[in-house]
Amino acid sequence: MKVLRIFGILVAVLAMVGFGLCGVLGVMIGFRPYADAANMFDETFFMGLAGLAIFATLAWFLGRKLYRAFSASGK
């Protein structure tokens, strides 16, 4: 059971890193600084923002899980 929990956390960390990288690249590719105001933000920009939002949610979730795991083991 402990191995399954560790495996689940590792998969979540990999997913978090993947969403973070895709989010950053999407924001960088989707932003066009020299275009006019109507075409400055591509669809890729908003998909990148969604990826960063998923990254932040997973980071918060994993941080909370790890904090509880390590604070409970010290008692």
Protein backbone atom coordinates (compact mmCIF):
# COMPACT_ATOMS: atom_id res chain seq x y z
CA MET A 1 0.00 0.00 0.00
CA LYS A 2 2.87 2.35 0.79
CA VAL A 3 4.45 1.63 -2.61
CA LEU A 4 1.18 2.45 -4.37
CA ARG A 5 0.94 5.77 -2.51
CA ILE A 6 4.54 6.68 -3.44
CA PHE A 7 3.88 5.68 -7.06
CA GLY A 8 0.76 7.86 -7.13
CA ILE A 9 2.67 10.86 -5.81
CA LEU A 10 5.41 10.35 -8.41
CA VAL A 11 2.85 10.20 -11.22
CA ALA A 12 1.22 13.38 -9.91
CA VAL A 13 4.62 15.11 -9.78
CA LEU A 14 5.34 14.09 -13.37
CA ALA A 15 1.94 15.35 -14.47
CA MET A 16 2.52 18.60 -12.58
CA VAL A 17 5.89 19.16 -14.27
CA GLY A 18 4.41 18.34 -17.68
CA PHE A 19 1.51 20.76 -17.27
CA GLY A 20 3.90 23.42 -16.02
CA LEU A 21 6.24 23.09 -18.98
CA CYS A 22 3.39 22.99 -21.49
CA GLY A 23 1.81 25.99 -19.78
CA VAL A 24 4.96 28.09 -19.93
CA LEU A 25 5.64 27.16 -23.54
CA GLY A 26 2.02 27.83 -24.49
CA VAL A 27 2.11 31.27 -22.94
CA MET A 28 5.43 32.06 -24.61
CA ILE A 29 4.31 30.84 -28.04
CA GLY A 30 0.79 32.30 -27.83
CA PHE A 31 1.84 35.83 -26.94
CA ARG A 32 2.67 37.98 -29.96
CA PRO A 33 4.10 41.28 -28.71
CA TYR A 34 4.33 43.04 -32.09
CA ALA A 35 0.82 42.19 -33.33
CA ASP A 36 -2.11 44.54 -33.09
CA ALA A 37 -4.33 44.45 -30.00
CA ALA A 38 -6.93 42.16 -31.56
CA ASN A 39 -4.38 39.47 -32.49
CA MET A 40 -1.93 39.79 -29.61
CA PHE A 41 -3.16 36.71 -27.73
CA ASP A 42 -3.46 33.45 -29.66
CA GLU A 43 -5.51 30.42 -28.55
CA THR A 44 -2.23 28.86 -27.48
CA PHE A 45 -1.80 31.61 -24.90
CA PHE A 46 -5.07 30.73 -23.18
CA MET A 47 -4.31 27.00 -23.33
CA GLY A 48 -0.99 27.82 -21.70
CA LEU A 49 -2.78 29.72 -18.94
CA ALA A 50 -5.02 26.69 -18.40
CA GLY A 51 -1.91 24.49 -18.16
CA LEU A 52 -0.41 26.83 -15.59
CA ALA A 53 -3.66 26.77 -13.60
CA ILE A 54 -3.60 22.96 -13.54
CA PHE A 55 0.08 23.11 -12.54
CA ALA A 56 -0.71 25.44 -9.64
CA THR A 57 -3.58 23.25 -8.48
CA LEU A 58 -1.43 20.11 -8.53
CA ALA A 59 1.41 21.93 -6.76
CA TRP A 60 -0.95 23.06 -4.01
CA PHE A 61 -2.47 19.58 -3.69
CA LEU A 62 0.90 17.81 -3.56
CA GLY A 63 2.36 20.37 -1.21
CA ARG A 64 -0.52 19.87 1.18
CA LYS A 65 -0.21 16.07 0.94
CA LEU A 66 3.53 16.11 1.54
CA TYR A 67 3.23 18.60 4.41
CA ARG A 68 0.68 16.37 6.14
CA ALA A 69 2.77 13.25 5.51
CA PHE A 70 5.95 14.72 6.94
CA SER A 71 4.32 16.56 9.82
CA ALA A 72 2.51 13.38 10.93
CA SER A 73 5.68 11.27 10.79
CA GLY A 74 7.56 13.64 13.14
CA LYS A 75 5.11 13.25 16.02
